[in-house]
Amino acid sequence: MKRFLQYFILEFVIISAVGLLGYWILRMPINLPQITLTATVSGAIIAFAMVTLRNNG
């Protein structure tokens, strides 16, 4: 569980930063709920995959 949380936080921060950067580059108004939801779901999926692959490998 500790490893999952480490990966999740790392992925959440990376995905949030890239999302905010994309909004800034495209000069669009920032949609914070959408960035948060996207970063949460994708961060959880990636973290689960990383933990699962590490345990099997």
PDB file of N, CA and C in Angstrom:
ATOM      1  N   MET A   1       0.819  -1.191   0.000  1.00  0.00           N
ATOM      2  CA  MET A   1       0.000   0.000   0.000  1.00  0.00           C
ATOM      3  C   MET A   1       0.868   1.262   0.000  1.00  0.00           C
ATOM      4  N   LYS A   2       1.985   1.208   0.740  1.00  0.00           N
ATOM      5  CA  LYS A   2       2.875   2.362   0.789  1.00  0.00           C
ATOM      6  C   LYS A   2       3.456   2.656  -0.593  1.00  0.00           C
ATOM      7  N   ARG A   3       3.848   1.610  -1.305  1.00  0.00           N
ATOM      8  CA  ARG A   3       4.406   1.778  -2.652  1.00  0.00           C
ATOM      9  C   ARG A   3       3.356   2.366  -3.599  1.00  0.00           C
ATOM     10  N   PHE A   4       2.098   1.907  -3.465  1.00  0.00           N
ATOM     11  CA  PHE A   4       1.016   2.429  -4.300  1.00  0.00           C
ATOM     12  C   PHE A   4       0.838   3.927  -4.062  1.00  0.00           C
ATOM     13  N   LEU A   5       0.835   4.349  -2.810  1.00  0.00           N
ATOM     14  CA  LEU A   5       0.655   5.766  -2.496  1.00  0.00           C
ATOM     15  C   LEU A   5       1.812   6.608  -3.020  1.00  0.00           C
ATOM     16  N   GLN A   6       3.021   6.068  -2.958  1.00  0.00           N
ATOM     17  CA  GLN A   6       4.166   6.799  -3.496  1.00  0.00           C
ATOM     18  C   GLN A   6       4.024   7.006  -5.000  1.00  0.00           C
ATOM     19  N   TYR A   7       3.692   5.939  -5.708  1.00  0.00           N
ATOM     20  CA  TYR A   7       3.502   6.053  -7.158  1.00  0.00           C
ATOM     21  C   TYR A   7       2.319   6.949  -7.488  1.00  0.00           C
ATOM     22  N   PHE A   8       1.235   6.828  -6.719  1.00  0.00           N
ATOM     23  CA  PHE A   8       0.041   7.626  -6.988  1.00  0.00           C
ATOM     24  C   PHE A   8       0.330   9.117  -6.839  1.00  0.00           C
ATOM     25  N   ILE A   9       1.003   9.480  -5.773  1.00  0.00           N
ATOM     26  CA  ILE A   9       1.311  10.906  -5.557  1.00  0.00           C
ATOM     27  C   ILE A   9       2.228  11.425  -6.652  1.00  0.00           C
ATOM     28  N   LEU A  10       3.227  10.632  -7.019  1.00  0.00           N
ATOM     29  CA  LEU A  10       4.139  11.034  -8.086  1.00  0.00           C
ATOM     30  C   LEU A  10       3.382  11.247  -9.394  1.00  0.00           C
ATOM     31  N   GLU A  11       2.552  10.290  -9.769  1.00  0.00           N
ATOM     32  CA  GLU A  11       1.807  10.406 -11.021  1.00  0.00           C
ATOM     33  C   GLU A  11       0.785  11.541 -10.963  1.00  0.00           C
ATOM     34  N   PHE A  12       0.146  11.728  -9.818  1.00  0.00           N
ATOM     35  CA  PHE A  12      -0.828  12.803  -9.671  1.00  0.00           C
ATOM     36  C   PHE A  12      -0.174  14.161  -9.908  1.00  0.00           C
ATOM     37  N   VAL A  13       0.993  14.361  -9.319  1.00  0.00           N
ATOM     38  CA  VAL A  13       1.696  15.638  -9.479  1.00  0.00           C
ATOM     39  C   VAL A  13       2.128  15.842 -10.923  1.00  0.00           C
ATOM     40  N   ILE A  14       2.678  14.802 -11.541  1.00  0.00           N
ATOM     41  CA  ILE A  14       3.140  14.923 -12.928  1.00  0.00           C
ATOM     42  C   ILE A  14       1.981  15.227 -13.865  1.00  0.00           C
ATOM     43  N   ILE A  15       0.884  14.485 -13.741  1.00  0.00           N
ATOM     44  CA  ILE A  15      -0.254  14.675 -14.632  1.00  0.00           C
ATOM     45  C   ILE A  15      -0.903  16.037 -14.408  1.00  0.00           C
ATOM     46  N   SER A  16      -0.984  16.486 -13.166  1.00  0.00           N
ATOM     47  CA  SER A  16      -1.546  17.807 -12.874  1.00  0.00           C
ATOM     48  C   SER A  16      -0.681  18.909 -13.487  1.00  0.00           C
ATOM     49  N   ALA A  17       0.625  18.772 -13.345  1.00  0.00           N
ATOM     50  CA  ALA A  17       1.534  19.785 -13.892  1.00  0.00           C
ATOM     51  C   ALA A  17       1.442  19.849 -15.414  1.00  0.00           C
ATOM     52  N   VAL A  18       1.396  18.695 -16.052  1.00  0.00           N
ATOM     53  CA  VAL A  18       1.290  18.668 -17.514  1.00  0.00           C
ATOM     54  C   VAL A  18      -0.061  19.245 -17.966  1.00  0.00           C
ATOM     55  N   GLY A  19      -1.124  18.926 -17.233  1.00  0.00           N
ATOM     56  CA  GLY A  19      -2.438  19.473 -17.561  1.00  0.00           C
ATOM     57  C   GLY A  19      -2.481  20.979 -17.425  1.00  0.00           C
ATOM     58  N   LEU A  20      -1.934  21.499 -16.330  1.00  0.00           N
ATOM     59  CA  LEU A  20      -1.897  22.954 -16.141  1.00  0.00           C
ATOM     60  C   LEU A  20      -1.039  23.628 -17.194  1.00  0.00           C
ATOM     61  N   LEU A  21       0.061  22.986 -17.551  1.00  0.00           N
ATOM     62  CA  LEU A  21       0.931  23.529 -18.593  1.00  0.00           C
ATOM     63  C   LEU A  21       0.200  23.572 -19.937  1.00  0.00           C
ATOM     64  N   GLY A  22      -0.569  22.531 -20.219  1.00  0.00           N
ATOM     65  CA  GLY A  22      -1.344  22.512 -21.463  1.00  0.00           C
ATOM     66  C   GLY A  22      -2.374  23.624 -21.530  1.00  0.00           C
ATOM     67  N   TYR A  23      -3.076  23.856 -20.430  1.00  0.00           N
ATOM     68  CA  TYR A  23      -4.034  24.962 -20.391  1.00  0.00           C
ATOM     69  C   TYR A  23      -3.323  26.298 -20.575  1.00  0.00           C
ATOM     70  N   TRP A  24      -2.144  26.444 -19.963  1.00  0.00           N
ATOM     71  CA  TRP A  24      -1.402  27.696 -20.073  1.00  0.00           C
ATOM     72  C   TRP A  24      -0.901  27.910 -21.503  1.00  0.00           C
ATOM     73  N   ILE A  25      -0.381  26.848 -22.138  1.00  0.00           N
ATOM     74  CA  ILE A  25       0.124  26.970 -23.509  1.00  0.00           C
ATOM     75  C   ILE A  25      -1.002  27.317 -24.476  1.00  0.00           C
ATOM     76  N   LEU A  26      -2.162  26.676 -24.282  1.00  0.00           N
ATOM     77  CA  LEU A  26      -3.293  26.940 -25.180  1.00  0.00           C
ATOM     78  C   LEU A  26      -4.068  28.198 -24.811  1.00  0.00           C
ATOM     79  N   ARG A  27      -3.665  28.853 -23.727  1.00  0.00           N
ATOM     80  CA  ARG A  27      -4.299  30.081 -23.257  1.00  0.00           C
ATOM     81  C   ARG A  27      -5.800  29.913 -23.038  1.00  0.00           C
ATOM     82  N   MET A  28      -6.144  28.818 -22.402  1.00  0.00           N
ATOM     83  CA  MET A  28      -7.536  28.529 -22.071  1.00  0.00           C
ATOM     84  C   MET A  28      -7.740  28.763 -20.579  1.00  0.00           C
ATOM     85  N   PRO A  29      -8.976  29.043 -20.163  1.00  0.00           N
ATOM     86  CA  PRO A  29      -9.221  29.152 -18.723  1.00  0.00           C
ATOM     87  C   PRO A  29      -9.018  27.788 -18.053  1.00  0.00           C
ATOM     88  N   ILE A  30      -8.382  27.801 -16.903  1.00  0.00           N
ATOM     89  CA  ILE A  30      -8.044  26.552 -16.207  1.00  0.00           C
ATOM     90  C   ILE A  30      -9.298  25.921 -15.634  1.00  0.00           C
ATOM     91  N   ASN A  31      -9.485  24.639 -15.924  1.00  0.00           N
ATOM     92  CA  ASN A  31     -10.612  23.868 -15.423  1.00  0.00           C
ATOM     93  C   ASN A  31     -10.073  22.932 -14.339  1.00  0.00           C
ATOM     94  N   LEU A  32      -9.986  23.450 -13.125  1.00  0.00           N
ATOM     95  CA  LEU A  32      -9.352  22.715 -12.037  1.00  0.00           C
ATOM     96  C   LEU A  32     -10.072  21.415 -11.672  1.00  0.00           C
ATOM     97  N   PRO A  33     -11.414  21.372 -11.645  1.00  0.00           N
ATOM     98  CA  PRO A  33     -12.062  20.078 -11.350  1.00  0.00           C
ATOM     99  C   PRO A  33     -11.740  19.001 -12.385  1.00  0.00           C
ATOM    100  N   GLN A  34     -11.656  19.384 -13.634  1.00  0.00           N
ATOM    101  CA  GLN A  34     -11.340  18.408 -14.678  1.00  0.00           C
ATOM    102  C   GLN A  34      -9.910  17.903 -14.559  1.00  0.00           C
ATOM    103  N   ILE A  35      -8.981  18.801 -14.270  1.00  0.00           N
ATOM    104  CA  ILE A  35      -7.585  18.384 -14.093  1.00  0.00           C
ATOM    105  C   ILE A  35      -7.452  17.460 -12.886  1.00  0.00           C
ATOM    106  N   THR A  36      -8.137  17.799 -11.807  1.00  0.00           N
ATOM    107  CA  THR A  36      -8.067  16.981 -10.598  1.00  0.00           C
ATOM    108  C   THR A  36      -8.646  15.591 -10.835  1.00  0.00           C
ATOM    109  N   LEU A  37      -9.801  15.526 -11.476  1.00  0.00           N
ATOM    110  CA  LEU A  37     -10.430  14.234 -11.757  1.00  0.00           C
ATOM    111  C   LEU A  37      -9.555  13.385 -12.677  1.00  0.00           C
ATOM    112  N   THR A  38      -9.046  13.985 -13.728  1.00  0.00           N
ATOM    113  CA  THR A  38      -8.202  13.261 -14.669  1.00  0.00           C
ATOM    114  C   THR A  38      -6.922  12.763 -13.997  1.00  0.00           C
ATOM    115  N   ALA A  39      -6.286  13.609 -13.215  1.00  0.00           N
ATOM    116  CA  ALA A  39      -5.050  13.224 -12.544  1.00  0.00           C
ATOM    117  C   ALA A  39      -5.300  12.126 -11.505  1.00  0.00           C
ATOM    118  N   THR A  40      -6.437  12.184 -10.822  1.00  0.00           N
ATOM    119  CA  THR A  40      -6.757  11.172  -9.820  1.00  0.00           C
ATOM    120  C   THR A  40      -6.974   9.807 -10.460  1.00  0.00           C
ATOM    121  N   VAL A  41      -7.816   9.762 -11.489  1.00  0.00           N
ATOM    122  CA  VAL A  41      -8.128   8.479 -12.128  1.00  0.00           C
ATOM    123  C   VAL A  41      -6.908   7.896 -12.823  1.00  0.00           C
ATOM    124  N   SER A  42      -6.240   8.695 -13.631  1.00  0.00           N
ATOM    125  CA  SER A  42      -5.089   8.163 -14.361  1.00  0.00           C
ATOM    126  C   SER A  42      -3.924   7.853 -13.415  1.00  0.00           C
ATOM    127  N   GLY A  43      -3.742   8.645 -12.372  1.00  0.00           N
ATOM    128  CA  GLY A  43      -2.701   8.360 -11.394  1.00  0.00           C
ATOM    129  C   GLY A  43      -2.945   7.048 -10.679  1.00  0.00           C
ATOM    130  N   ALA A  44      -4.204   6.773 -10.337  1.00  0.00           N
ATOM    131  CA  ALA A  44      -4.544   5.508  -9.673  1.00  0.00           C
ATOM    132  C   ALA A  44      -4.313   4.320 -10.606  1.00  0.00           C
ATOM    133  N   ILE A  45      -4.688   4.455 -11.859  1.00  0.00           N
ATOM    134  CA  ILE A  45      -4.512   3.361 -12.823  1.00  0.00           C
ATOM    135  C   ILE A  45      -3.028   3.078 -13.045  1.00  0.00           C
ATOM    136  N   ILE A  46      -2.247   4.129 -13.230  1.00  0.00           N
ATOM    137  CA  ILE A  46      -0.818   3.944 -13.472  1.00  0.00           C
ATOM    138  C   ILE A  46      -0.127   3.383 -12.232  1.00  0.00           C
ATOM    139  N   ALA A  47      -0.470   3.899 -11.058  1.00  0.00           N
ATOM    140  CA  ALA A  47       0.142   3.404  -9.823  1.00  0.00           C
ATOM    141  C   ALA A  47      -0.200   1.935  -9.592  1.00  0.00           C
ATOM    142  N   PHE A  48      -1.444   1.548  -9.846  1.00  0.00           N
ATOM    143  CA  PHE A  48      -1.835   0.147  -9.695  1.00  0.00           C
ATOM    144  C   PHE A  48      -1.056  -0.737 -10.663  1.00  0.00           C
ATOM    145  N   ALA A  49      -0.911  -0.276 -11.898  1.00  0.00           N
ATOM    146  CA  ALA A  49      -0.161  -1.055 -12.886  1.00  0.00           C
ATOM    147  C   ALA A  49       1.306  -1.190 -12.479  1.00  0.00           C
ATOM    148  N   MET A  50       1.892  -0.129 -11.974  1.00  0.00           N
ATOM    149  CA  MET A  50       3.304  -0.182 -11.578  1.00  0.00           C
ATOM    150  C   MET A  50       3.511  -1.121 -10.401  1.00  0.00           C
ATOM    151  N   VAL A  51       2.615  -1.094  -9.424  1.00  0.00           N
ATOM    152  CA  VAL A  51       2.728  -1.987  -8.266  1.00  0.00           C
ATOM    153  C   VAL A  51       2.515  -3.429  -8.689  1.00  0.00           C
ATOM    154  N   THR A  52       1.527  -3.668  -9.549  1.00  0.00           N
ATOM    155  CA  THR A  52       1.232  -5.019 -10.009  1.00  0.00           C
ATOM    156  C   THR A  52       2.393  -5.587 -10.822  1.00  0.00           C
ATOM    157  N   LEU A  53       2.943  -4.804 -11.729  1.00  0.00           N
ATOM    158  CA  LEU A  53       4.050  -5.273 -12.541  1.00  0.00           C
ATOM    159  C   LEU A  53       5.299  -5.506 -11.713  1.00  0.00           C
ATOM    160  N   ARG A  54       5.510  -4.673 -10.713  1.00  0.00           N
ATOM    161  CA  ARG A  54       6.687  -4.856  -9.862  1.00  0.00           C
ATOM    162  C   ARG A  54       6.579  -6.141  -9.042  1.00  0.00           C
ATOM    163  N   ASN A  55       5.371  -6.480  -8.564  1.00  0.00           N
ATOM    164  CA  ASN A  55       5.170  -7.698  -7.789  1.00  0.00           C
ATOM    165  C   ASN A  55       5.306  -8.956  -8.650  1.00  0.00           C
ATOM    166  N   ASN A  56       4.916  -8.861  -9.915  1.00  0.00           N
ATOM    167  CA  ASN A  56       4.988 -10.029 -10.798  1.00  0.00           C
ATOM    168  C   ASN A  56       6.366 -10.207 -11.419  1.00  0.00           C
ATOM    169  N   GLY A  57       7.160  -9.162 -11.454  1.00  0.00           N
ATOM    170  CA  GLY A  57       8.451  -9.221 -12.122  1.00  0.00           C
ATOM    171  C   GLY A  57       9.516  -9.436 -11.180  1.00  0.00           C
TER     172      GLY A  57
END
